[in-house]
Amino acid sequence: TLVHVPRLTEGGPLHRALVDVARMRGGRAEVVH
């Protein structure tokens, strides 16, 4: 189903990269909390 990543720094290098990678995979990184 999905990979859930807890407690990333919002707007940090890892969060930004995850957003970009999810988009390149045809999906999106959904902030749930």
ModelCIF file with pLDDT and N, C-alpha, C, O atoms, coordinates in Angstrom:
data_MODEL
#
_entry.id   MODEL 
#
_entity.id                         1 
_entity.type                       polymer 
_entity.pdbx_number_of_molecules   1 
#
_entity_poly.entity_id                      1 
_entity_poly.type                           'polypeptide(L)' 
_entity_poly.nstd_linkage                   no 
_entity_poly.nstd_monomer                   no 
_entity_poly.pdbx_seq_one_letter_code       TLVHVPRLTEGGPLHRALVDVARMRGGRAEVVH 
_entity_poly.pdbx_seq_one_letter_code_can   TLVHVPRLTEGGPLHRALVDVARMRGGRAEVVH 
_entity_poly.pdbx_strand_id                 A 
#
loop_
_entity_poly_seq.entity_id 
_entity_poly_seq.num 
_entity_poly_seq.mon_id 
_entity_poly_seq.hetero 
1 1  THR n 
1 2  LEU n 
1 3  VAL n 
1 4  HIS n 
1 5  VAL n 
1 6  PRO n 
1 7  ARG n 
1 8  LEU n 
1 9  THR n 
1 10 GLU n 
1 11 GLY n 
1 12 GLY n 
1 13 PRO n 
1 14 LEU n 
1 15 HIS n 
1 16 ARG n 
1 17 ALA n 
1 18 LEU n 
1 19 VAL n 
1 20 ASP n 
1 21 VAL n 
1 22 ALA n 
1 23 ARG n 
1 24 MET n 
1 25 ARG n 
1 26 GLY n 
1 27 GLY n 
1 28 ARG n 
1 29 ALA n 
1 30 GLU n 
1 31 VAL n 
1 32 VAL n 
1 33 HIS n 
#
_struct_asym.id          A 
_struct_asym.entity_id   1 
#
loop_
_ma_qa_metric.id 
_ma_qa_metric.mode 
_ma_qa_metric.name 
_ma_qa_metric.software_group_id 
_ma_qa_metric.type 
1 global pLDDT . pLDDT 
2 local  pLDDT . pLDDT 
#
_ma_qa_metric_global.metric_id      1 
_ma_qa_metric_global.metric_value   96.82 
_ma_qa_metric_global.model_id       1 
_ma_qa_metric_global.ordinal_id     1 
#
loop_
_ma_qa_metric_local.label_asym_id 
_ma_qa_metric_local.label_comp_id 
_ma_qa_metric_local.label_seq_id 
_ma_qa_metric_local.metric_id 
_ma_qa_metric_local.metric_value 
_ma_qa_metric_local.model_id 
_ma_qa_metric_local.ordinal_id 
A THR 1  2 97.00 1 1  
A LEU 2  2 98.00 1 2  
A VAL 3  2 98.00 1 3  
A HIS 4  2 98.00 1 4  
A VAL 5  2 98.00 1 5  
A PRO 6  2 97.00 1 6  
A ARG 7  2 97.00 1 7  
A LEU 8  2 98.00 1 8  
A THR 9  2 98.00 1 9  
A GLU 10 2 97.00 1 10 
A GLY 11 2 97.00 1 11 
A GLY 12 2 98.00 1 12 
A PRO 13 2 98.00 1 13 
A LEU 14 2 98.00 1 14 
A HIS 15 2 98.00 1 15 
A ARG 16 2 98.00 1 16 
A ALA 17 2 98.00 1 17 
A LEU 18 2 98.00 1 18 
A VAL 19 2 97.00 1 19 
A ASP 20 2 97.00 1 20 
A VAL 21 2 97.00 1 21 
A ALA 22 2 97.00 1 22 
A ARG 23 2 97.00 1 23 
A MET 24 2 96.00 1 24 
A ARG 25 2 96.00 1 25 
A GLY 26 2 95.00 1 26 
A GLY 27 2 94.00 1 27 
A ARG 28 2 94.00 1 28 
A ALA 29 2 96.00 1 29 
A GLU 30 2 96.00 1 30 
A VAL 31 2 96.00 1 31 
A VAL 32 2 94.00 1 32 
A HIS 33 2 94.00 1 33 
#
loop_
_atom_site.group_PDB 
_atom_site.id 
_atom_site.type_symbol 
_atom_site.label_atom_id 
_atom_site.label_alt_id 
_atom_site.label_comp_id 
_atom_site.label_asym_id 
_atom_site.label_entity_id 
_atom_site.label_seq_id 
_atom_site.pdbx_PDB_ins_code 
_atom_site.Cartn_x 
_atom_site.Cartn_y 
_atom_site.Cartn_z 
_atom_site.occupancy 
_atom_site.B_iso_or_equiv 
_atom_site.pdbx_formal_charge 
_atom_site.auth_seq_id 
_atom_site.auth_comp_id 
_atom_site.auth_asym_id 
_atom_site.auth_atom_id 
_atom_site.pdbx_PDB_model_num 
ATOM 1   N N  . THR A 1 1  ? 0.796  -1.233 0.000   1.00 97.00 ? 1  THR A N  1 
ATOM 2   C CA . THR A 1 1  ? 0.000  0.000  0.000   1.00 97.00 ? 1  THR A CA 1 
ATOM 3   C C  . THR A 1 1  ? 0.828  1.284  0.000   1.00 97.00 ? 1  THR A C  1 
ATOM 4   O O  . THR A 1 1  ? 0.779  2.046  -0.966  1.00 97.00 ? 1  THR A O  1 
ATOM 5   N N  . LEU A 1 2  ? 1.590  1.535  1.068   1.00 98.00 ? 2  LEU A N  1 
ATOM 6   C CA . LEU A 1 2  ? 2.269  2.823  1.199   1.00 98.00 ? 2  LEU A CA 1 
ATOM 7   C C  . LEU A 1 2  ? 3.433  2.712  2.175   1.00 98.00 ? 2  LEU A C  1 
ATOM 8   O O  . LEU A 1 2  ? 3.552  1.755  2.940   1.00 98.00 ? 2  LEU A O  1 
ATOM 9   N N  . VAL A 1 3  ? 4.285  3.730  2.114   1.00 98.00 ? 3  VAL A N  1 
ATOM 10  C CA . VAL A 1 3  ? 5.332  3.903  3.116   1.00 98.00 ? 3  VAL A CA 1 
ATOM 11  C C  . VAL A 1 3  ? 4.966  5.135  3.935   1.00 98.00 ? 3  VAL A C  1 
ATOM 12  O O  . VAL A 1 3  ? 4.754  6.219  3.392   1.00 98.00 ? 3  VAL A O  1 
ATOM 13  N N  . HIS A 1 4  ? 4.896  4.950  5.244   1.00 98.00 ? 4  HIS A N  1 
ATOM 14  C CA . HIS A 1 4  ? 4.551  6.035  6.167   1.00 98.00 ? 4  HIS A CA 1 
ATOM 15  C C  . HIS A 1 4  ? 5.839  6.509  6.849   1.00 98.00 ? 4  HIS A C  1 
ATOM 16  O O  . HIS A 1 4  ? 6.523  5.724  7.507   1.00 98.00 ? 4  HIS A O  1 
ATOM 17  N N  . VAL A 1 5  ? 6.161  7.785  6.691   1.00 98.00 ? 5  VAL A N  1 
ATOM 18  C CA . VAL A 1 5  ? 7.380  8.348  7.281   1.00 98.00 ? 5  VAL A CA 1 
ATOM 19  C C  . VAL A 1 5  ? 6.971  9.353  8.351   1.00 98.00 ? 5  VAL A C  1 
ATOM 20  O O  . VAL A 1 5  ? 6.429  10.408 8.022   1.00 98.00 ? 5  VAL A O  1 
ATOM 21  N N  . PRO A 1 6  ? 7.219  9.051  9.621   1.00 97.00 ? 6  PRO A N  1 
ATOM 22  C CA . PRO A 1 6  ? 6.814  9.967  10.694  1.00 97.00 ? 6  PRO A CA 1 
ATOM 23  C C  . PRO A 1 6  ? 7.871  11.027 10.978  1.00 97.00 ? 6  PRO A C  1 
ATOM 24  O O  . PRO A 1 6  ? 9.068  10.783 10.823  1.00 97.00 ? 6  PRO A O  1 
ATOM 25  N N  . ARG A 1 7  ? 7.422  12.195 11.391  1.00 97.00 ? 7  ARG A N  1 
ATOM 26  C CA . ARG A 1 7  ? 8.266  13.247 11.951  1.00 97.00 ? 7  ARG A CA 1 
ATOM 27  C C  . ARG A 1 7  ? 9.437  13.642 11.047  1.00 97.00 ? 7  ARG A C  1 
ATOM 28  O O  . ARG A 1 7  ? 10.597 13.551 11.446  1.00 97.00 ? 7  ARG A O  1 
ATOM 29  N N  . LEU A 1 8  ? 9.124  14.075 9.843   1.00 98.00 ? 8  LEU A N  1 
ATOM 30  C CA . LEU A 1 8  ? 10.130 14.713 8.993   1.00 98.00 ? 8  LEU A CA 1 
ATOM 31  C C  . LEU A 1 8  ? 10.081 16.217 9.227   1.00 98.00 ? 8  LEU A C  1 
ATOM 32  O O  . LEU A 1 8  ? 9.013  16.776 9.477   1.00 98.00 ? 8  LEU A O  1 
ATOM 33  N N  . THR A 1 9  ? 11.224 16.865 9.147   1.00 98.00 ? 9  THR A N  1 
ATOM 34  C CA . THR A 1 9  ? 11.248 18.321 9.239   1.00 98.00 ? 9  THR A CA 1 
ATOM 35  C C  . THR A 1 9  ? 10.567 18.920 8.019   1.00 98.00 ? 9  THR A C  1 
ATOM 36  O O  . THR A 1 9  ? 11.006 18.702 6.890   1.00 98.00 ? 9  THR A O  1 
ATOM 37  N N  . GLU A 1 10 ? 9.502  19.669 8.238   1.00 97.00 ? 10 GLU A N  1 
ATOM 38  C CA . GLU A 1 10 ? 8.758  20.251 7.122   1.00 97.00 ? 10 GLU A CA 1 
ATOM 39  C C  . GLU A 1 10 ? 9.650  21.198 6.324   1.00 97.00 ? 10 GLU A C  1 
ATOM 40  O O  . GLU A 1 10 ? 10.263 22.108 6.881   1.00 97.00 ? 10 GLU A O  1 
ATOM 41  N N  . GLY A 1 11 ? 9.714  20.973 5.016   1.00 97.00 ? 11 GLY A N  1 
ATOM 42  C CA . GLY A 1 11 ? 10.507 21.832 4.149   1.00 97.00 ? 11 GLY A CA 1 
ATOM 43  C C  . GLY A 1 11 ? 11.990 21.565 4.196   1.00 97.00 ? 11 GLY A C  1 
ATOM 44  O O  . GLY A 1 11 ? 12.762 22.266 3.542   1.00 97.00 ? 11 GLY A O  1 
ATOM 45  N N  . GLY A 1 12 ? 12.419 20.553 4.966   1.00 98.00 ? 12 GLY A N  1 
ATOM 46  C CA . GLY A 1 12 ? 13.834 20.211 5.028   1.00 98.00 ? 12 GLY A CA 1 
ATOM 47  C C  . GLY A 1 12 ? 14.262 19.439 3.787   1.00 98.00 ? 12 GLY A C  1 
ATOM 48  O O  . GLY A 1 12 ? 13.419 19.062 2.973   1.00 98.00 ? 12 GLY A O  1 
ATOM 49  N N  . PRO A 1 13 ? 15.563 19.200 3.631   1.00 98.00 ? 13 PRO A N  1 
ATOM 50  C CA . PRO A 1 13 ? 16.055 18.501 2.438   1.00 98.00 ? 13 PRO A CA 1 
ATOM 51  C C  . PRO A 1 13 ? 15.399 17.150 2.204   1.00 98.00 ? 13 PRO A C  1 
ATOM 52  O O  . PRO A 1 13 ? 15.129 16.790 1.058   1.00 98.00 ? 13 PRO A O  1 
ATOM 53  N N  . LEU A 1 14 ? 15.135 16.391 3.269   1.00 98.00 ? 14 LEU A N  1 
ATOM 54  C CA . LEU A 1 14 ? 14.547 15.062 3.097   1.00 98.00 ? 14 LEU A CA 1 
ATOM 55  C C  . LEU A 1 14 ? 13.070 15.149 2.712   1.00 98.00 ? 14 LEU A C  1 
ATOM 56  O O  . LEU A 1 14 ? 12.599 14.370 1.883   1.00 98.00 ? 14 LEU A O  1 
ATOM 57  N N  . HIS A 1 15 ? 12.348 16.082 3.301   1.00 98.00 ? 15 HIS A N  1 
ATOM 58  C CA . HIS A 1 15 ? 10.949 16.250 2.940   1.00 98.00 ? 15 HIS A CA 1 
ATOM 59  C C  . HIS A 1 15 ? 10.818 16.735 1.494   1.00 98.00 ? 15 HIS A C  1 
ATOM 60  O O  . HIS A 1 15 ? 10.009 16.205 0.734   1.00 98.00 ? 15 HIS A O  1 
ATOM 61  N N  . ARG A 1 16 ? 11.607 17.735 1.115   1.00 98.00 ? 16 ARG A N  1 
ATOM 62  C CA . ARG A 1 16 ? 11.535 18.240 -0.257  1.00 98.00 ? 16 ARG A CA 1 
ATOM 63  C C  . ARG A 1 16 ? 11.880 17.147 -1.264  1.00 98.00 ? 16 ARG A C  1 
ATOM 64  O O  . ARG A 1 16 ? 11.222 17.013 -2.296  1.00 98.00 ? 16 ARG A O  1 
ATOM 65  N N  . ALA A 1 17 ? 12.906 16.374 -0.959  1.00 98.00 ? 17 ALA A N  1 
ATOM 66  C CA . ALA A 1 17 ? 13.309 15.302 -1.876  1.00 98.00 ? 17 ALA A CA 1 
ATOM 67  C C  . ALA A 1 17 ? 12.225 14.239 -1.985  1.00 98.00 ? 17 ALA A C  1 
ATOM 68  O O  . ALA A 1 17 ? 11.985 13.708 -3.069  1.00 98.00 ? 17 ALA A O  1 
ATOM 69  N N  . LEU A 1 18 ? 11.568 13.922 -0.872  1.00 98.00 ? 18 LEU A N  1 
ATOM 70  C CA . LEU A 1 18 ? 10.517 12.918 -0.889  1.00 98.00 ? 18 LEU A CA 1 
ATOM 71  C C  . LEU A 1 18 ? 9.335  13.381 -1.737  1.00 98.00 ? 18 LEU A C  1 
ATOM 72  O O  . LEU A 1 18 ? 8.742  12.588 -2.469  1.00 98.00 ? 18 LEU A O  1 
ATOM 73  N N  . VAL A 1 19 ? 8.996  14.659 -1.638  1.00 97.00 ? 19 VAL A N  1 
ATOM 74  C CA . VAL A 1 19 ? 7.926  15.217 -2.467  1.00 97.00 ? 19 VAL A CA 1 
ATOM 75  C C  . VAL A 1 19 ? 8.283  15.078 -3.947  1.00 97.00 ? 19 VAL A C  1 
ATOM 76  O O  . VAL A 1 19 ? 7.441  14.682 -4.753  1.00 97.00 ? 19 VAL A O  1 
ATOM 77  N N  . ASP A 1 20 ? 9.524  15.400 -4.306  1.00 97.00 ? 20 ASP A N  1 
ATOM 78  C CA . ASP A 1 20 ? 9.950  15.314 -5.702  1.00 97.00 ? 20 ASP A CA 1 
ATOM 79  C C  . ASP A 1 20 ? 9.949  13.870 -6.205  1.00 97.00 ? 20 ASP A C  1 
ATOM 80  O O  . ASP A 1 20 ? 9.508  13.600 -7.322  1.00 97.00 ? 20 ASP A O  1 
ATOM 81  N N  . VAL A 1 21 ? 10.435 12.962 -5.394  1.00 97.00 ? 21 VAL A N  1 
ATOM 82  C CA . VAL A 1 21 ? 10.500 11.560 -5.805  1.00 97.00 ? 21 VAL A CA 1 
ATOM 83  C C  . VAL A 1 21 ? 9.094  10.979 -5.969  1.00 97.00 ? 21 VAL A C  1 
ATOM 84  O O  . VAL A 1 21 ? 8.833  10.252 -6.928  1.00 97.00 ? 21 VAL A O  1 
ATOM 85  N N  . ALA A 1 22 ? 8.196  11.292 -5.047  1.00 97.00 ? 22 ALA A N  1 
ATOM 86  C CA . ALA A 1 22 ? 6.824  10.805 -5.165  1.00 97.00 ? 22 ALA A CA 1 
ATOM 87  C C  . ALA A 1 22 ? 6.189  11.303 -6.460  1.00 97.00 ? 22 ALA A C  1 
ATOM 88  O O  . ALA A 1 22 ? 5.468  10.564 -7.131  1.00 97.00 ? 22 ALA A O  1 
ATOM 89  N N  . ARG A 1 23 ? 6.459  12.550 -6.802  1.00 97.00 ? 23 ARG A N  1 
ATOM 90  C CA . ARG A 1 23 ? 5.913  13.109 -8.043  1.00 97.00 ? 23 ARG A CA 1 
ATOM 91  C C  . ARG A 1 23 ? 6.496  12.405 -9.263  1.00 97.00 ? 23 ARG A C  1 
ATOM 92  O O  . ARG A 1 23 ? 5.769  12.101 -10.208 1.00 97.00 ? 23 ARG A O  1 
ATOM 93  N N  . MET A 1 24 ? 7.785  12.147 -9.250  1.00 96.00 ? 24 MET A N  1 
ATOM 94  C CA . MET A 1 24 ? 8.414  11.460 -10.373 1.00 96.00 ? 24 MET A CA 1 
ATOM 95  C C  . MET A 1 24 ? 7.895  10.033 -10.524 1.00 96.00 ? 24 MET A C  1 
ATOM 96  O O  . MET A 1 24 ? 7.923  9.471  -11.620 1.00 96.00 ? 24 MET A O  1 
ATOM 97  N N  . ARG A 1 25 ? 7.422  9.450  -9.427  1.00 96.00 ? 25 ARG A N  1 
ATOM 98  C CA . ARG A 1 25 ? 6.858  8.094  -9.466  1.00 96.00 ? 25 ARG A CA 1 
ATOM 99  C C  . ARG A 1 25 ? 5.383  8.102  -9.872  1.00 96.00 ? 25 ARG A C  1 
ATOM 100 O O  . ARG A 1 25 ? 4.749  7.049  -9.944  1.00 96.00 ? 25 ARG A O  1 
ATOM 101 N N  . GLY A 1 26 ? 4.848  9.279  -10.133 1.00 95.00 ? 26 GLY A N  1 
ATOM 102 C CA . GLY A 1 26 ? 3.463  9.377  -10.554 1.00 95.00 ? 26 GLY A CA 1 
ATOM 103 C C  . GLY A 1 26 ? 2.475  9.466  -9.416  1.00 95.00 ? 26 GLY A C  1 
ATOM 104 O O  . GLY A 1 26 ? 1.278  9.271  -9.628  1.00 95.00 ? 26 GLY A O  1 
ATOM 105 N N  . GLY A 1 27 ? 2.941  9.757  -8.205  1.00 94.00 ? 27 GLY A N  1 
ATOM 106 C CA . GLY A 1 27 ? 2.056  9.892  -7.056  1.00 94.00 ? 27 GLY A CA 1 
ATOM 107 C C  . GLY A 1 27 ? 2.309  11.206 -6.344  1.00 94.00 ? 27 GLY A C  1 
ATOM 108 O O  . GLY A 1 27 ? 2.740  12.185 -6.952  1.00 94.00 ? 27 GLY A O  1 
ATOM 109 N N  . ARG A 1 28 ? 2.041  11.214 -5.072  1.00 94.00 ? 28 ARG A N  1 
ATOM 110 C CA . ARG A 1 28 ? 2.318  12.413 -4.284  1.00 94.00 ? 28 ARG A CA 1 
ATOM 111 C C  . ARG A 1 28 ? 2.642  12.016 -2.848  1.00 94.00 ? 28 ARG A C  1 
ATOM 112 O O  . ARG A 1 28 ? 2.214  10.974 -2.352  1.00 94.00 ? 28 ARG A O  1 
ATOM 113 N N  . ALA A 1 29 ? 3.409  12.883 -2.201  1.00 96.00 ? 29 ALA A N  1 
ATOM 114 C CA . ALA A 1 29 ? 3.707  12.697 -0.790  1.00 96.00 ? 29 ALA A CA 1 
ATOM 115 C C  . ALA A 1 29 ? 2.622  13.413 0.009   1.00 96.00 ? 29 ALA A C  1 
ATOM 116 O O  . ALA A 1 29 ? 2.569  14.642 0.046   1.00 96.00 ? 29 ALA A O  1 
ATOM 117 N N  . GLU A 1 30 ? 1.772  12.637 0.637   1.00 96.00 ? 30 GLU A N  1 
ATOM 118 C CA . GLU A 1 30 ? 0.600  13.167 1.323   1.00 96.00 ? 30 GLU A CA 1 
ATOM 119 C C  . GLU A 1 30 ? 0.916  13.430 2.791   1.00 96.00 ? 30 GLU A C  1 
ATOM 120 O O  . GLU A 1 30 ? 1.224  12.502 3.540   1.00 96.00 ? 30 GLU A O  1 
ATOM 121 N N  . VAL A 1 31 ? 0.840  14.695 3.201   1.00 96.00 ? 31 VAL A N  1 
ATOM 122 C CA . VAL A 1 31 ? 1.030  15.041 4.609   1.00 96.00 ? 31 VAL A CA 1 
ATOM 123 C C  . VAL A 1 31 ? -0.251 14.699 5.355   1.00 96.00 ? 31 VAL A C  1 
ATOM 124 O O  . VAL A 1 31 ? -1.312 15.255 5.071   1.00 96.00 ? 31 VAL A O  1 
ATOM 125 N N  . VAL A 1 32 ? -0.145 13.778 6.314   1.00 94.00 ? 32 VAL A N  1 
ATOM 126 C CA . VAL A 1 32 ? -1.333 13.327 7.040   1.00 94.00 ? 32 VAL A CA 1 
ATOM 127 C C  . VAL A 1 32 ? -1.399 13.882 8.459   1.00 94.00 ? 32 VAL A C  1 
ATOM 128 O O  . VAL A 1 32 ? -2.416 13.744 9.138   1.00 94.00 ? 32 VAL A O  1 
ATOM 129 N N  . HIS A 1 33 ? -0.318 14.506 8.901   1.00 94.00 ? 33 HIS A N  1 
ATOM 130 C CA . HIS A 1 33 ? -0.323 15.124 10.233  1.00 94.00 ? 33 HIS A CA 1 
ATOM 131 C C  . HIS A 1 33 ? 0.809  16.139 10.283  1.00 94.00 ? 33 HIS A C  1 
ATOM 132 O O  . HIS A 1 33 ? 1.008  16.792 11.308  1.00 94.00 ? 33 HIS A O  1 
#
